[in-house]
Amino acid sequence: MSKLKCKMCGLCCKLFLINLNKEEYYSSKYLTVFNDIEIIDDFKFASEYGANILKQKNDGSCIYLKNNICSIHEKRPEVCRNFFCMGTEDKYKEMRTIIEAAREIY
């Protein structure tokens, strides 16, 4: 049986907001939606208000998506490393359904 591979369609990077975990948020190596303000010291507060969300381009896709490829793939956030549109984990079922519907449009 062959190993499943990413289709490199970029839909996961176009359809979903990417939330950084606490460590990623404080590392300052990622651009967030609120980069113009100082980092919020209280991560719980920051995440409640979306300060831990990766910045997006004008079309809503992730700022790091270039030609349907993640430009920070080796250093991508944990949530990106854990999600796979061809996977079978129950917690991502709804996201996979959204991607499959979007494939018909794109």
C-alpha atoms as a PDB file:
ATOM      1  CA  MET A   1       0.000   0.000   0.000  1.00  0.00           C
ATOM      2  CA  SER A   2       1.416   3.411  -0.933  1.00  0.00           C
ATOM      3  CA  LYS A   3       1.726   6.198   1.578  1.00  0.00           C
ATOM      4  CA  LEU A   4      -0.835   8.992   1.143  1.00  0.00           C
ATOM      5  CA  LYS A   5       0.639  12.294   0.047  1.00  0.00           C
ATOM      6  CA  CYS A   6      -0.570  15.859   0.136  1.00  0.00           C
ATOM      7  CA  LYS A   7      -2.365  16.905  -3.056  1.00  0.00           C
ATOM      8  CA  MET A   8      -0.730  20.326  -2.725  1.00  0.00           C
ATOM      9  CA  CYS A   9      -3.973  22.071  -3.622  1.00  0.00           C
ATOM     10  CA  GLY A  10      -3.475  24.678  -0.888  1.00  0.00           C
ATOM     11  CA  LEU A  11      -7.147  24.554   0.113  1.00  0.00           C
ATOM     12  CA  CYS A  12      -6.407  23.952   3.789  1.00  0.00           C
ATOM     13  CA  CYS A  13      -4.336  27.162   3.720  1.00  0.00           C
ATOM     14  CA  LYS A  14      -7.103  29.050   1.920  1.00  0.00           C
ATOM     15  CA  LEU A  15     -10.148  27.911   3.866  1.00  0.00           C
ATOM     16  CA  PHE A  16      -9.139  27.925   7.527  1.00  0.00           C
ATOM     17  CA  LEU A  17      -7.681  30.328  10.045  1.00  0.00           C
ATOM     18  CA  ILE A  18      -4.476  29.046  11.598  1.00  0.00           C
ATOM     19  CA  ASN A  19      -4.265  29.424  15.362  1.00  0.00           C
ATOM     20  CA  LEU A  20      -0.792  29.415  16.871  1.00  0.00           C
ATOM     21  CA  ASN A  21      -0.256  27.549  20.119  1.00  0.00           C
ATOM     22  CA  LYS A  22       1.203  29.348  23.129  1.00  0.00           C
ATOM     23  CA  GLU A  23       4.830  28.537  22.321  1.00  0.00           C
ATOM     24  CA  GLU A  24       4.446  29.559  18.670  1.00  0.00           C
ATOM     25  CA  TYR A  25       2.655  32.776  19.605  1.00  0.00           C
ATOM     26  CA  TYR A  26       5.420  33.895  21.956  1.00  0.00           C
ATOM     27  CA  SER A  27       8.237  32.867  19.586  1.00  0.00           C
ATOM     28  CA  SER A  28       7.523  35.851  17.292  1.00  0.00           C
ATOM     29  CA  LYS A  29       8.675  33.894  14.246  1.00  0.00           C
ATOM     30  CA  TYR A  30       5.206  34.017  12.686  1.00  0.00           C
ATOM     31  CA  LEU A  31       3.261  36.996  11.370  1.00  0.00           C
ATOM     32  CA  THR A  32      -0.099  37.305  13.119  1.00  0.00           C
ATOM     33  CA  VAL A  33      -3.207  39.331  12.390  1.00  0.00           C
ATOM     34  CA  PHE A  34      -2.202  41.799  15.098  1.00  0.00           C
ATOM     35  CA  ASN A  35       1.501  42.242  14.353  1.00  0.00           C
ATOM     36  CA  ASP A  36       1.010  46.004  14.449  1.00  0.00           C
ATOM     37  CA  ILE A  37       0.406  45.896  18.209  1.00  0.00           C
ATOM     38  CA  GLU A  38       2.595  44.675  21.007  1.00  0.00           C
ATOM     39  CA  ILE A  39       2.377  41.021  21.914  1.00  0.00           C
ATOM     40  CA  ILE A  40      -0.307  40.365  24.520  1.00  0.00           C
ATOM     41  CA  ASP A  41       1.305  38.810  27.576  1.00  0.00           C
ATOM     42  CA  ASP A  42      -1.753  36.753  28.537  1.00  0.00           C
ATOM     43  CA  PHE A  43      -2.047  33.969  25.923  1.00  0.00           C
ATOM     44  CA  LYS A  44      -5.577  33.027  26.981  1.00  0.00           C
ATOM     45  CA  PHE A  45      -6.692  36.623  26.410  1.00  0.00           C
ATOM     46  CA  ALA A  46      -4.752  36.797  23.131  1.00  0.00           C
ATOM     47  CA  SER A  47      -6.370  33.621  21.817  1.00  0.00           C
ATOM     48  CA  GLU A  48      -9.862  34.743  22.878  1.00  0.00           C
ATOM     49  CA  TYR A  49      -9.458  37.834  20.684  1.00  0.00           C
ATOM     50  CA  GLY A  50      -7.673  36.140  17.783  1.00  0.00           C
ATOM     51  CA  ALA A  51      -4.274  37.712  18.338  1.00  0.00           C
ATOM     52  CA  ASN A  52      -2.735  34.264  17.875  1.00  0.00           C
ATOM     53  CA  ILE A  53      -4.078  33.803  14.332  1.00  0.00           C
ATOM     54  CA  LEU A  54      -1.645  33.763  11.418  1.00  0.00           C
ATOM     55  CA  LYS A  55      -1.877  36.768   9.159  1.00  0.00           C
ATOM     56  CA  GLN A  56      -3.813  36.306   5.920  1.00  0.00           C
ATOM     57  CA  LYS A  57      -3.482  37.714   2.426  1.00  0.00           C
ATOM     58  CA  ASN A  58      -6.275  39.840   0.947  1.00  0.00           C
ATOM     59  CA  ASP A  59      -7.850  36.693  -0.564  1.00  0.00           C
ATOM     60  CA  GLY A  60      -8.095  35.090   2.898  1.00  0.00           C
ATOM     61  CA  SER A  61      -5.316  32.564   2.388  1.00  0.00           C
ATOM     62  CA  CYS A  62      -2.409  32.108   4.774  1.00  0.00           C
ATOM     63  CA  ILE A  63       0.337  34.701   4.418  1.00  0.00           C
ATOM     64  CA  TYR A  64       2.847  31.856   3.988  1.00  0.00           C
ATOM     65  CA  LEU A  65       1.074  30.170   1.052  1.00  0.00           C
ATOM     66  CA  LYS A  66       3.051  30.718  -2.168  1.00  0.00           C
ATOM     67  CA  ASN A  67       1.886  29.021  -5.398  1.00  0.00           C
ATOM     68  CA  ASN A  68      -0.195  26.531  -3.365  1.00  0.00           C
ATOM     69  CA  ILE A  69       2.880  25.525  -1.363  1.00  0.00           C
ATOM     70  CA  CYS A  70       3.660  26.362   2.242  1.00  0.00           C
ATOM     71  CA  SER A  71       6.723  28.587   2.206  1.00  0.00           C
ATOM     72  CA  ILE A  72       7.502  27.686   5.835  1.00  0.00           C
ATOM     73  CA  HIS A  73       6.725  23.980   5.545  1.00  0.00           C
ATOM     74  CA  GLU A  74       9.678  22.846   7.668  1.00  0.00           C
ATOM     75  CA  LYS A  75       8.751  25.372  10.393  1.00  0.00           C
ATOM     76  CA  ARG A  76       4.963  25.381   9.972  1.00  0.00           C
ATOM     77  CA  PRO A  77       2.736  25.653  13.054  1.00  0.00           C
ATOM     78  CA  GLU A  78       1.733  22.541  14.956  1.00  0.00           C
ATOM     79  CA  VAL A  79      -1.883  22.673  13.779  1.00  0.00           C
ATOM     80  CA  CYS A  80      -0.658  22.588  10.178  1.00  0.00           C
ATOM     81  CA  ARG A  81       1.649  19.657  10.909  1.00  0.00           C
ATOM     82  CA  ASN A  82      -1.196  17.707  12.521  1.00  0.00           C
ATOM     83  CA  PHE A  83      -3.847  18.243   9.836  1.00  0.00           C
ATOM     84  CA  PHE A  84      -3.908  16.114   6.694  1.00  0.00           C
ATOM     85  CA  CYS A  85      -6.851  16.295   4.310  1.00  0.00           C
ATOM     86  CA  MET A  86      -6.425  12.649   3.349  1.00  0.00           C
ATOM     87  CA  GLY A  87      -6.276  11.541   7.006  1.00  0.00           C
ATOM     88  CA  THR A  88      -8.969   9.731   8.937  1.00  0.00           C
ATOM     89  CA  GLU A  89      -8.912  11.421  12.352  1.00  0.00           C
ATOM     90  CA  ASP A  90     -12.430  12.204  13.567  1.00  0.00           C
ATOM     91  CA  LYS A  91     -11.478  15.651  14.881  1.00  0.00           C
ATOM     92  CA  TYR A  92     -10.743  16.819  11.311  1.00  0.00           C
ATOM     93  CA  LYS A  93     -13.798  15.244   9.657  1.00  0.00           C
ATOM     94  CA  GLU A  94     -15.648  18.551   9.213  1.00  0.00           C
ATOM     95  CA  MET A  95     -12.557  20.246   7.772  1.00  0.00           C
ATOM     96  CA  ARG A  96     -12.083  17.404   5.270  1.00  0.00           C
ATOM     97  CA  THR A  97     -15.730  17.735   4.224  1.00  0.00           C
ATOM     98  CA  ILE A  98     -15.256  21.477   3.607  1.00  0.00           C
ATOM     99  CA  ILE A  99     -12.118  20.837   1.538  1.00  0.00           C
ATOM    100  CA  GLU A 100     -13.831  18.160  -0.571  1.00  0.00           C
ATOM    101  CA  ALA A 101     -16.698  20.563  -1.320  1.00  0.00           C
ATOM    102  CA  ALA A 102     -14.242  23.313  -2.226  1.00  0.00           C
ATOM    103  CA  ARG A 103     -12.347  20.997  -4.615  1.00  0.00           C
ATOM    104  CA  GLU A 104     -15.488  20.901  -6.756  1.00  0.00           C
ATOM    105  CA  ILE A 105     -15.432  24.706  -6.996  1.00  0.00           C
ATOM    106  CA  TYR A 106     -11.694  25.264  -7.542  1.00  0.00           C
END
